[in-house]
Amino acid sequence: ARLMAKDLRFTLRECDDLKRRMERKNQALGEEMKELQKILTPAQLAKFILWVNKNPASMAMLDKLWSPIDELSKERTPGRVLPGESSTSTAP
């Protein structure tokens, strides 16, 4: 019974962790969609959504490519020079 209780507690913790991850991912997706709505026409947005639904593997690959770029942009601070940049370059 103790082993079952331990396994159950572990499973519940894992479920809670997954729930938090999904909530963060959904929030990030919502924010990205808001940004897309600002720059795309309704027709372009509809085409993009259809493309995403038809190409989940491509979106997964793009997500993996964009994630490091997003993290890098979050780490930037004014005046900080990153490797490969000159001190006269401007941050995007």
N, C-alpha and C. Protein backbone atom coordinates (compact mmCIF):
# COMPACT_ATOMS: atom_id res chain seq x y z
N ALA A 1 0.82 -1.20 0.00
CA ALA A 1 0.00 0.00 0.00
C ALA A 1 0.87 1.27 0.00
N ARG A 2 2.01 1.21 0.73
CA ARG A 2 2.89 2.39 0.76
C ARG A 2 3.48 2.68 -0.61
N LEU A 3 3.85 1.61 -1.31
CA LEU A 3 4.41 1.78 -2.64
C LEU A 3 3.38 2.39 -3.58
N MET A 4 2.14 1.93 -3.45
CA MET A 4 1.07 2.50 -4.29
C MET A 4 0.84 3.97 -3.96
N ALA A 5 0.87 4.32 -2.68
CA ALA A 5 0.68 5.70 -2.27
C ALA A 5 1.83 6.57 -2.79
N LYS A 6 3.05 6.04 -2.71
CA LYS A 6 4.20 6.77 -3.22
C LYS A 6 4.07 6.98 -4.73
N ASP A 7 3.70 5.94 -5.45
CA ASP A 7 3.51 6.04 -6.90
C ASP A 7 2.40 7.03 -7.24
N LEU A 8 1.34 7.01 -6.46
CA LEU A 8 0.23 7.92 -6.70
C LEU A 8 0.66 9.37 -6.47
N ARG A 9 1.41 9.63 -5.40
CA ARG A 9 1.91 10.99 -5.16
C ARG A 9 2.82 11.45 -6.29
N PHE A 10 3.70 10.56 -6.75
CA PHE A 10 4.57 10.89 -7.86
C PHE A 10 3.75 11.23 -9.11
N THR A 11 2.76 10.40 -9.41
CA THR A 11 1.93 10.62 -10.59
C THR A 11 1.16 11.94 -10.48
N LEU A 12 0.66 12.25 -9.31
CA LEU A 12 -0.06 13.51 -9.12
C LEU A 12 0.86 14.71 -9.30
N ARG A 13 2.09 14.61 -8.79
CA ARG A 13 3.07 15.69 -8.99
C ARG A 13 3.38 15.87 -10.48
N GLU A 14 3.55 14.76 -11.17
CA GLU A 14 3.82 14.83 -12.62
C GLU A 14 2.65 15.45 -13.36
N CYS A 15 1.43 15.09 -12.97
CA CYS A 15 0.24 15.68 -13.60
C CYS A 15 0.18 17.19 -13.35
N ASP A 16 0.47 17.60 -12.13
CA ASP A 16 0.49 19.03 -11.82
C ASP A 16 1.55 19.76 -12.64
N ASP A 17 2.72 19.14 -12.78
CA ASP A 17 3.79 19.74 -13.57
C ASP A 17 3.36 19.87 -15.03
N LEU A 18 2.78 18.83 -15.57
CA LEU A 18 2.31 18.89 -16.96
C LEU A 18 1.23 19.94 -17.15
N LYS A 19 0.34 20.06 -16.17
CA LYS A 19 -0.71 21.07 -16.25
C LYS A 19 -0.09 22.47 -16.30
N ARG A 20 0.88 22.73 -15.43
CA ARG A 20 1.55 24.05 -15.43
C ARG A 20 2.26 24.31 -16.76
N ARG A 21 2.92 23.29 -17.29
CA ARG A 21 3.61 23.45 -18.58
C ARG A 21 2.62 23.77 -19.69
N MET A 22 1.51 23.05 -19.70
CA MET A 22 0.50 23.31 -20.74
C MET A 22 -0.08 24.70 -20.61
N GLU A 23 -0.32 25.15 -19.39
CA GLU A 23 -0.84 26.50 -19.18
C GLU A 23 0.13 27.55 -19.68
N ARG A 24 1.43 27.36 -19.38
CA ARG A 24 2.45 28.31 -19.87
C ARG A 24 2.53 28.29 -21.39
N LYS A 25 2.49 27.10 -21.97
CA LYS A 25 2.57 26.97 -23.43
C LYS A 25 1.35 27.61 -24.09
N ASN A 26 0.18 27.38 -23.53
CA ASN A 26 -1.04 27.97 -24.08
C ASN A 26 -1.02 29.49 -23.96
N GLN A 27 -0.51 30.00 -22.85
CA GLN A 27 -0.41 31.45 -22.68
C GLN A 27 0.56 32.03 -23.71
N ALA A 28 1.69 31.37 -23.90
CA ALA A 28 2.67 31.85 -24.88
C ALA A 28 2.07 31.80 -26.29
N LEU A 29 1.33 30.74 -26.58
CA LEU A 29 0.69 30.63 -27.90
C LEU A 29 -0.32 31.75 -28.09
N GLY A 30 -1.09 32.04 -27.08
CA GLY A 30 -2.06 33.14 -27.16
C GLY A 30 -1.37 34.48 -27.43
N GLU A 31 -0.25 34.71 -26.76
CA GLU A 31 0.49 35.95 -26.96
C GLU A 31 1.04 36.03 -28.38
N GLU A 32 1.55 34.90 -28.89
CA GLU A 32 2.06 34.87 -30.26
C GLU A 32 0.95 35.12 -31.27
N MET A 33 -0.21 34.55 -31.02
CA MET A 33 -1.34 34.76 -31.93
C MET A 33 -1.77 36.22 -31.93
N LYS A 34 -1.74 36.87 -30.78
CA LYS A 34 -2.07 38.29 -30.72
C LYS A 34 -1.10 39.11 -31.57
N GLU A 35 0.19 38.75 -31.49
CA GLU A 35 1.20 39.45 -32.29
C GLU A 35 0.95 39.22 -33.78
N LEU A 36 0.62 37.99 -34.15
CA LEU A 36 0.34 37.70 -35.55
C LEU A 36 -0.88 38.47 -36.04
N GLN A 37 -1.90 38.58 -35.19
CA GLN A 37 -3.10 39.32 -35.57
C GLN A 37 -2.81 40.78 -35.83
N LYS A 38 -1.77 41.30 -35.18
CA LYS A 38 -1.41 42.70 -35.39
C LYS A 38 -0.79 42.94 -36.75
N ILE A 39 -0.08 41.93 -37.30
CA ILE A 39 0.66 42.16 -38.53
C ILE A 39 0.08 41.47 -39.76
N LEU A 40 -0.80 40.49 -39.56
CA LEU A 40 -1.37 39.77 -40.69
C LEU A 40 -2.80 40.21 -40.94
N THR A 41 -3.20 40.14 -42.20
CA THR A 41 -4.61 40.39 -42.53
C THR A 41 -5.40 39.17 -42.07
N PRO A 42 -6.71 39.29 -41.94
CA PRO A 42 -7.51 38.12 -41.55
C PRO A 42 -7.32 36.93 -42.51
N ALA A 43 -7.21 37.20 -43.81
CA ALA A 43 -7.01 36.12 -44.78
C ALA A 43 -5.65 35.46 -44.57
N GLN A 44 -4.62 36.26 -44.34
CA GLN A 44 -3.29 35.70 -44.09
C GLN A 44 -3.27 34.87 -42.82
N LEU A 45 -3.94 35.35 -41.78
CA LEU A 45 -4.00 34.62 -40.52
C LEU A 45 -4.71 33.28 -40.71
N ALA A 46 -5.81 33.29 -41.45
CA ALA A 46 -6.54 32.04 -41.71
C ALA A 46 -5.67 31.05 -42.47
N LYS A 47 -4.94 31.54 -43.47
CA LYS A 47 -4.04 30.66 -44.24
C LYS A 47 -2.95 30.10 -43.33
N PHE A 48 -2.43 30.93 -42.44
CA PHE A 48 -1.38 30.48 -41.53
C PHE A 48 -1.92 29.39 -40.60
N ILE A 49 -3.10 29.60 -40.05
CA ILE A 49 -3.69 28.60 -39.15
C ILE A 49 -3.92 27.28 -39.88
N LEU A 50 -4.42 27.35 -41.11
CA LEU A 50 -4.61 26.13 -41.89
C LEU A 50 -3.28 25.44 -42.15
N TRP A 51 -2.25 26.23 -42.47
CA TRP A 51 -0.93 25.64 -42.72
C TRP A 51 -0.41 24.95 -41.47
N VAL A 52 -0.57 25.60 -40.32
CA VAL A 52 -0.10 25.01 -39.05
C VAL A 52 -0.80 23.68 -38.80
N ASN A 53 -2.12 23.64 -39.04
CA ASN A 53 -2.87 22.40 -38.82
C ASN A 53 -2.42 21.28 -39.76
N LYS A 54 -2.00 21.64 -40.97
CA LYS A 54 -1.58 20.63 -41.95
C LYS A 54 -0.11 20.25 -41.81
N ASN A 55 0.67 21.04 -41.08
CA ASN A 55 2.11 20.84 -41.00
C ASN A 55 2.64 20.85 -39.56
N PRO A 56 2.13 19.98 -38.71
CA PRO A 56 2.58 20.01 -37.31
C PRO A 56 4.07 19.72 -37.15
N ALA A 57 4.63 18.86 -38.01
CA ALA A 57 6.06 18.56 -37.90
C ALA A 57 6.89 19.80 -38.22
N SER A 58 6.47 20.56 -39.21
CA SER A 58 7.19 21.79 -39.55
C SER A 58 7.11 22.79 -38.41
N MET A 59 5.96 22.90 -37.78
CA MET A 59 5.82 23.83 -36.66
C MET A 59 6.69 23.40 -35.49
N ALA A 60 6.78 22.11 -35.25
CA ALA A 60 7.63 21.62 -34.16
C ALA A 60 9.08 21.97 -34.44
N MET A 61 9.49 21.83 -35.71
CA MET A 61 10.86 22.16 -36.07
C MET A 61 11.11 23.67 -35.91
N LEU A 62 10.16 24.49 -36.38
CA LEU A 62 10.31 25.93 -36.25
C LEU A 62 10.34 26.35 -34.78
N ASP A 63 9.53 25.70 -33.97
CA ASP A 63 9.51 26.01 -32.54
C ASP A 63 10.88 25.75 -31.92
N LYS A 64 11.49 24.64 -32.29
CA LYS A 64 12.82 24.32 -31.77
C LYS A 64 13.86 25.32 -32.24
N LEU A 65 13.70 25.81 -33.47
CA LEU A 65 14.64 26.80 -34.00
C LEU A 65 14.44 28.16 -33.34
N TRP A 66 13.19 28.54 -33.12
CA TRP A 66 12.89 29.87 -32.58
C TRP A 66 13.12 29.96 -31.08
N SER A 67 12.98 28.89 -30.36
CA SER A 67 13.12 28.93 -28.90
C SER A 67 14.46 29.49 -28.46
N PRO A 68 15.59 29.03 -29.04
CA PRO A 68 16.87 29.62 -28.62
C PRO A 68 16.96 31.10 -28.96
N ILE A 69 16.38 31.51 -30.07
CA ILE A 69 16.40 32.92 -30.46
C ILE A 69 15.58 33.74 -29.47
N ASP A 70 14.42 33.23 -29.08
CA ASP A 70 13.59 33.92 -28.09
C ASP A 70 14.32 34.05 -26.77
N GLU A 71 15.00 32.99 -26.34
CA GLU A 71 15.74 33.04 -25.08
C GLU A 71 16.88 34.04 -25.17
N LEU A 72 17.55 34.09 -26.32
CA LEU A 72 18.64 35.04 -26.50
C LEU A 72 18.12 36.47 -26.41
N SER A 73 16.99 36.74 -27.03
CA SER A 73 16.46 38.11 -26.99
C SER A 73 16.01 38.49 -25.58
N LYS A 74 15.58 37.53 -24.79
CA LYS A 74 15.19 37.81 -23.41
C LYS A 74 16.41 38.12 -22.55
N GLU A 75 17.55 37.51 -22.90
CA GLU A 75 18.77 37.71 -22.12
C GLU A 75 19.45 39.04 -22.42
N ARG A 76 19.12 39.65 -23.54
CA ARG A 76 19.78 40.90 -23.93
C ARG A 76 19.46 42.02 -22.96
N THR A 77 20.46 42.76 -22.67
CA THR A 77 20.27 43.95 -21.85
C THR A 77 20.92 45.10 -22.59
N PRO A 78 20.43 46.31 -22.42
CA PRO A 78 21.02 47.46 -23.12
C PRO A 78 22.51 47.58 -22.80
N GLY A 79 23.31 47.79 -23.86
CA GLY A 79 24.73 47.97 -23.69
C GLY A 79 25.53 46.68 -23.63
N ARG A 80 24.86 45.55 -23.58
CA ARG A 80 25.56 44.28 -23.50
C ARG A 80 25.93 43.83 -24.91
N VAL A 81 27.17 43.44 -25.10
CA VAL A 81 27.63 42.96 -26.40
C VAL A 81 27.74 41.44 -26.34
N LEU A 82 27.01 40.78 -27.24
CA LEU A 82 27.01 39.33 -27.28
C LEU A 82 28.11 38.84 -28.21
N PRO A 83 28.57 37.60 -28.05
CA PRO A 83 29.60 37.06 -28.94
C PRO A 83 29.18 37.20 -30.40
N GLY A 84 30.11 37.62 -31.25
CA GLY A 84 29.80 37.78 -32.65
C GLY A 84 29.24 39.13 -33.03
N GLU A 85 29.00 39.99 -32.05
CA GLU A 85 28.49 41.33 -32.30
C GLU A 85 29.59 42.34 -32.06
N SER A 86 29.48 43.46 -32.77
CA SER A 86 30.43 44.53 -32.49
C SER A 86 29.80 45.48 -31.47
N SER A 87 30.61 46.24 -30.82
CA SER A 87 30.10 47.14 -29.80
C SER A 87 29.29 48.29 -30.41
N THR A 88 29.38 48.46 -31.75
CA THR A 88 28.63 49.53 -32.41
C THR A 88 27.32 49.04 -32.98
N SER A 89 27.05 47.70 -32.93
CA SER A 89 25.79 47.20 -33.46
C SER A 89 24.66 47.55 -32.52
N THR A 90 23.47 47.65 -33.08
CA THR A 90 22.30 47.97 -32.26
C THR A 90 21.46 46.72 -32.06
N ALA A 91 20.87 46.58 -30.91
CA ALA A 91 20.01 45.44 -30.62
C ALA A 91 18.68 45.63 -31.31
N PRO A 92 18.09 44.52 -31.82
CA PRO A 92 16.79 44.63 -32.50
C PRO A 92 15.68 45.02 -31.56
